[in-house]
Amino acid sequence: MPSNQGSGPYDEVFNNLAKIVEDIVRNMPESQQARVIGYTIITRHAAGGDPEIFQAGFQDDDREIPYEVVESEDEIYITADLPADPHNAPYAEIEPDRVRICVDDCITTVMLPHPADRIHSTYRVHRGVMDITLRKVRIG
């Protein structure tokens, strides 16, 4: 989603480009492991004006940690793109109705669409990505 939507002649092109990139990744042979969490496109005007920046996949607040939520029948998966070189080890606080992704002084809260079983939920950090797997609580 472009950050300066509606202000440039190419906004629709960049929005379509974001959809194309998502489709390419989704259709890759190893698509279950591949994720596009966000990207930045910087354009230069031919007339020599200032560059425009279009961001996709990021929250509006720079202190928010970008993440994606995917849901299956039994589990909820959260993938977060962590900042480079944190001072402390990133961690996740898993609660039945939310997950807090904590990196140094940045905390991003993800509200869950279904209650999670804290005991059978896990997270792992590897190469700047946090993968959180939450088992859904079975109701009934």
C-alpha atoms as a PDB file:
ATOM      1  CA  MET A   1       0.000   0.000   0.000  1.00  0.00           C
ATOM      2  CA  PRO A   2       1.690   3.254  -1.091  1.00  0.00           C
ATOM      3  CA  SER A   3       2.425   5.683   1.730  1.00  0.00           C
ATOM      4  CA  ASN A   4       1.614   8.749  -0.345  1.00  0.00           C
ATOM      5  CA  GLN A   5      -1.416   7.356  -2.115  1.00  0.00           C
ATOM      6  CA  GLY A   6      -3.178   9.747  -4.445  1.00  0.00           C
ATOM      7  CA  SER A   7      -0.260  12.194  -4.747  1.00  0.00           C
ATOM      8  CA  GLY A   8       1.550  10.839  -7.786  1.00  0.00           C
ATOM      9  CA  PRO A   9       0.702   9.814 -11.344  1.00  0.00           C
ATOM     10  CA  TYR A  10       2.103   6.306 -10.832  1.00  0.00           C
ATOM     11  CA  ASP A  11       0.257   5.352  -7.629  1.00  0.00           C
ATOM     12  CA  GLU A  12      -1.911   2.799  -9.420  1.00  0.00           C
ATOM     13  CA  VAL A  13       1.149   1.286 -11.130  1.00  0.00           C
ATOM     14  CA  PHE A  14       2.934   0.774  -7.797  1.00  0.00           C
ATOM     15  CA  ASN A  15      -0.197  -0.695  -6.217  1.00  0.00           C
ATOM     16  CA  ASN A  16      -0.436  -3.166  -9.112  1.00  0.00           C
ATOM     17  CA  LEU A  17       3.289  -3.931  -8.782  1.00  0.00           C
ATOM     18  CA  ALA A  18       2.756  -4.843  -5.131  1.00  0.00           C
ATOM     19  CA  LYS A  19       0.044  -7.314  -6.157  1.00  0.00           C
ATOM     20  CA  ILE A  20       2.287  -8.804  -8.860  1.00  0.00           C
ATOM     21  CA  VAL A  21       5.155  -9.359  -6.399  1.00  0.00           C
ATOM     22  CA  GLU A  22       2.779 -11.051  -3.951  1.00  0.00           C
ATOM     23  CA  ASP A  23       1.467 -13.340  -6.727  1.00  0.00           C
ATOM     24  CA  ILE A  24       4.996 -14.252  -7.840  1.00  0.00           C
ATOM     25  CA  VAL A  25       6.035 -15.225  -4.320  1.00  0.00           C
ATOM     26  CA  ARG A  26       2.788 -17.101  -3.690  1.00  0.00           C
ATOM     27  CA  ASN A  27       3.324 -19.185  -6.867  1.00  0.00           C
ATOM     28  CA  MET A  28       6.989 -20.034  -6.252  1.00  0.00           C
ATOM     29  CA  PRO A  29       7.705 -23.769  -5.781  1.00  0.00           C
ATOM     30  CA  GLU A  30       8.684 -23.185  -2.144  1.00  0.00           C
ATOM     31  CA  SER A  31       5.893 -20.664  -1.541  1.00  0.00           C
ATOM     32  CA  GLN A  32       5.037 -21.970   1.920  1.00  0.00           C
ATOM     33  CA  GLN A  33       8.438 -20.796   3.144  1.00  0.00           C
ATOM     34  CA  ALA A  34       8.601 -17.529   1.154  1.00  0.00           C
ATOM     35  CA  ARG A  35       7.146 -14.302   2.524  1.00  0.00           C
ATOM     36  CA  VAL A  36       7.145 -10.701   1.328  1.00  0.00           C
ATOM     37  CA  ILE A  37       6.749  -8.625   4.454  1.00  0.00           C
ATOM     38  CA  GLY A  38       7.478  -5.254   2.902  1.00  0.00           C
ATOM     39  CA  TYR A  39       9.505  -3.330   0.412  1.00  0.00           C
ATOM     40  CA  THR A  40      10.283   0.217  -0.652  1.00  0.00           C
ATOM     41  CA  ILE A  41      10.282   1.660  -4.174  1.00  0.00           C
ATOM     42  CA  ILE A  42      12.104   4.955  -4.695  1.00  0.00           C
ATOM     43  CA  THR A  43      11.414   6.725  -7.989  1.00  0.00           C
ATOM     44  CA  ARG A  44      13.130   9.693  -9.586  1.00  0.00           C
ATOM     45  CA  HIS A  45      11.244  12.188 -11.701  1.00  0.00           C
ATOM     46  CA  ALA A  46      12.637  12.850 -15.163  1.00  0.00           C
ATOM     47  CA  ALA A  47      12.273  16.588 -14.521  1.00  0.00           C
ATOM     48  CA  GLY A  48      14.863  16.359 -11.716  1.00  0.00           C
ATOM     49  CA  GLY A  49      12.394  16.680  -8.835  1.00  0.00           C
ATOM     50  CA  ASP A  50      12.703  15.018  -5.462  1.00  0.00           C
ATOM     51  CA  PRO A  51      12.357  11.243  -5.328  1.00  0.00           C
ATOM     52  CA  GLU A  52       9.037   9.784  -4.223  1.00  0.00           C
ATOM     53  CA  ILE A  53       8.933   6.864  -1.797  1.00  0.00           C
ATOM     54  CA  PHE A  54       6.272   4.171  -1.975  1.00  0.00           C
ATOM     55  CA  GLN A  55       6.149   1.539   0.772  1.00  0.00           C
ATOM     56  CA  ALA A  56       4.122  -1.626   0.775  1.00  0.00           C
ATOM     57  CA  GLY A  57       3.452  -4.009   3.620  1.00  0.00           C
ATOM     58  CA  PHE A  58       4.530  -1.699   6.439  1.00  0.00           C
ATOM     59  CA  GLN A  59       2.453  -0.143   9.173  1.00  0.00           C
ATOM     60  CA  ASP A  60       2.221   3.660   9.340  1.00  0.00           C
ATOM     61  CA  ASP A  61       4.184   3.911  12.596  1.00  0.00           C
ATOM     62  CA  ASP A  62       7.963   3.543  12.088  1.00  0.00           C
ATOM     63  CA  ARG A  63       8.214   1.925  15.528  1.00  0.00           C
ATOM     64  CA  GLU A  64       5.839  -0.888  14.511  1.00  0.00           C
ATOM     65  CA  ILE A  65       7.401  -4.201  13.572  1.00  0.00           C
ATOM     66  CA  PRO A  66       6.056  -5.344  10.167  1.00  0.00           C
ATOM     67  CA  TYR A  67       4.241  -8.676  10.344  1.00  0.00           C
ATOM     68  CA  GLU A  68       1.925 -10.989   8.432  1.00  0.00           C
ATOM     69  CA  VAL A  69      -0.783 -13.282   9.840  1.00  0.00           C
ATOM     70  CA  VAL A  70      -1.825 -16.507   8.090  1.00  0.00           C
ATOM     71  CA  GLU A  71      -4.447 -18.854   9.467  1.00  0.00           C
ATOM     72  CA  SER A  72      -5.123 -22.565   8.950  1.00  0.00           C
ATOM     73  CA  GLU A  73      -7.840 -24.753  10.418  1.00  0.00           C
ATOM     74  CA  ASP A  74      -5.835 -25.569  13.570  1.00  0.00           C
ATOM     75  CA  GLU A  75      -3.137 -22.890  13.777  1.00  0.00           C
ATOM     76  CA  ILE A  76      -2.348 -19.215  13.362  1.00  0.00           C
ATOM     77  CA  TYR A  77       1.039 -18.248  11.916  1.00  0.00           C
ATOM     78  CA  ILE A  78       2.645 -14.855  12.411  1.00  0.00           C
ATOM     79  CA  THR A  79       5.812 -13.875  10.547  1.00  0.00           C
ATOM     80  CA  ALA A  80       7.572 -10.674  11.624  1.00  0.00           C
ATOM     81  CA  ASP A  81      10.441  -8.833   9.940  1.00  0.00           C
ATOM     82  CA  LEU A  82      12.779  -7.825  12.761  1.00  0.00           C
ATOM     83  CA  PRO A  83      15.035  -4.765  12.816  1.00  0.00           C
ATOM     84  CA  ALA A  84      18.694  -5.362  12.045  1.00  0.00           C
ATOM     85  CA  ASP A  85      21.156  -5.611  14.933  1.00  0.00           C
ATOM     86  CA  PRO A  86      18.878  -5.411  17.979  1.00  0.00           C
ATOM     87  CA  HIS A  87      20.566  -4.720  21.325  1.00  0.00           C
ATOM     88  CA  ASN A  88      18.608  -7.496  23.075  1.00  0.00           C
ATOM     89  CA  ALA A  89      17.227 -10.818  21.903  1.00  0.00           C
ATOM     90  CA  PRO A  90      13.775 -10.408  20.293  1.00  0.00           C
ATOM     91  CA  TYR A  91      10.965 -12.368  21.952  1.00  0.00           C
ATOM     92  CA  ALA A  92       7.212 -12.956  21.746  1.00  0.00           C
ATOM     93  CA  GLU A  93       4.758 -12.722  24.639  1.00  0.00           C
ATOM     94  CA  ILE A  94       1.957 -15.133  23.765  1.00  0.00           C
ATOM     95  CA  GLU A  95      -1.445 -14.648  25.410  1.00  0.00           C
ATOM     96  CA  PRO A  96      -4.765 -16.291  24.518  1.00  0.00           C
ATOM     97  CA  ASP A  97      -6.099 -13.194  22.706  1.00  0.00           C
ATOM     98  CA  ARG A  98      -2.926 -11.419  21.535  1.00  0.00           C
ATOM     99  CA  VAL A  99       0.790 -11.694  20.825  1.00  0.00           C
ATOM    100  CA  ARG A 100       3.307  -8.995  21.635  1.00  0.00           C
ATOM    101  CA  ILE A 101       6.420  -8.951  19.456  1.00  0.00           C
ATOM    102  CA  CYS A 102       9.190  -7.291  21.478  1.00  0.00           C
ATOM    103  CA  VAL A 103      12.477  -5.992  20.095  1.00  0.00           C
ATOM    104  CA  ASP A 104      14.394  -3.623  22.354  1.00  0.00           C
ATOM    105  CA  ASP A 105      11.973  -0.748  23.073  1.00  0.00           C
ATOM    106  CA  CYS A 106       9.633  -1.589  20.152  1.00  0.00           C
ATOM    107  CA  ILE A 107       6.530  -3.597  21.006  1.00  0.00           C
ATOM    108  CA  THR A 108       3.956  -4.547  18.377  1.00  0.00           C
ATOM    109  CA  THR A 109       0.689  -6.108  19.532  1.00  0.00           C
ATOM    110  CA  VAL A 110      -1.114  -8.523  17.211  1.00  0.00           C
ATOM    111  CA  MET A 111      -4.740  -9.165  18.163  1.00  0.00           C
ATOM    112  CA  LEU A 112      -5.671 -12.763  17.375  1.00  0.00           C
ATOM    113  CA  PRO A 113      -8.752 -13.738  15.346  1.00  0.00           C
ATOM    114  CA  HIS A 114      -9.185 -16.893  17.511  1.00  0.00           C
ATOM    115  CA  PRO A 115      -8.021 -17.787  21.053  1.00  0.00           C
ATOM    116  CA  ALA A 116      -4.572 -19.411  21.182  1.00  0.00           C
ATOM    117  CA  ASP A 117      -3.371 -22.277  23.371  1.00  0.00           C
ATOM    118  CA  ARG A 118      -0.329 -20.709  25.088  1.00  0.00           C
ATOM    119  CA  ILE A 119       1.151 -24.053  26.187  1.00  0.00           C
ATOM    120  CA  HIS A 120       1.268 -25.488  22.652  1.00  0.00           C
ATOM    121  CA  SER A 121       2.346 -22.291  20.871  1.00  0.00           C
ATOM    122  CA  THR A 122       5.949 -21.466  19.974  1.00  0.00           C
ATOM    123  CA  TYR A 123       8.132 -18.856  18.345  1.00  0.00           C
ATOM    124  CA  ARG A 124      11.562 -18.908  16.756  1.00  0.00           C
ATOM    125  CA  VAL A 125      13.940 -16.203  15.549  1.00  0.00           C
ATOM    126  CA  HIS A 126      16.210 -16.947  12.605  1.00  0.00           C
ATOM    127  CA  ARG A 127      18.071 -14.547  10.294  1.00  0.00           C
ATOM    128  CA  GLY A 128      16.047 -11.472  11.184  1.00  0.00           C
ATOM    129  CA  VAL A 129      12.652 -13.158  10.951  1.00  0.00           C
ATOM    130  CA  MET A 130      10.427 -14.228  13.837  1.00  0.00           C
ATOM    131  CA  ASP A 131       8.087 -17.131  13.108  1.00  0.00           C
ATOM    132  CA  ILE A 132       5.284 -17.625  15.626  1.00  0.00           C
ATOM    133  CA  THR A 133       3.065 -20.717  15.511  1.00  0.00           C
ATOM    134  CA  LEU A 134      -0.069 -20.587  17.644  1.00  0.00           C
ATOM    135  CA  ARG A 135      -2.320 -23.589  18.183  1.00  0.00           C
ATOM    136  CA  LYS A 136      -5.973 -22.577  18.199  1.00  0.00           C
ATOM    137  CA  VAL A 137      -8.058 -23.414  21.236  1.00  0.00           C
ATOM    138  CA  ARG A 138     -10.694 -25.966  20.289  1.00  0.00           C
ATOM    139  CA  ILE A 139     -14.117 -24.777  21.345  1.00  0.00           C
ATOM    140  CA  GLY A 140     -16.823 -27.396  21.768  1.00  0.00           C
END
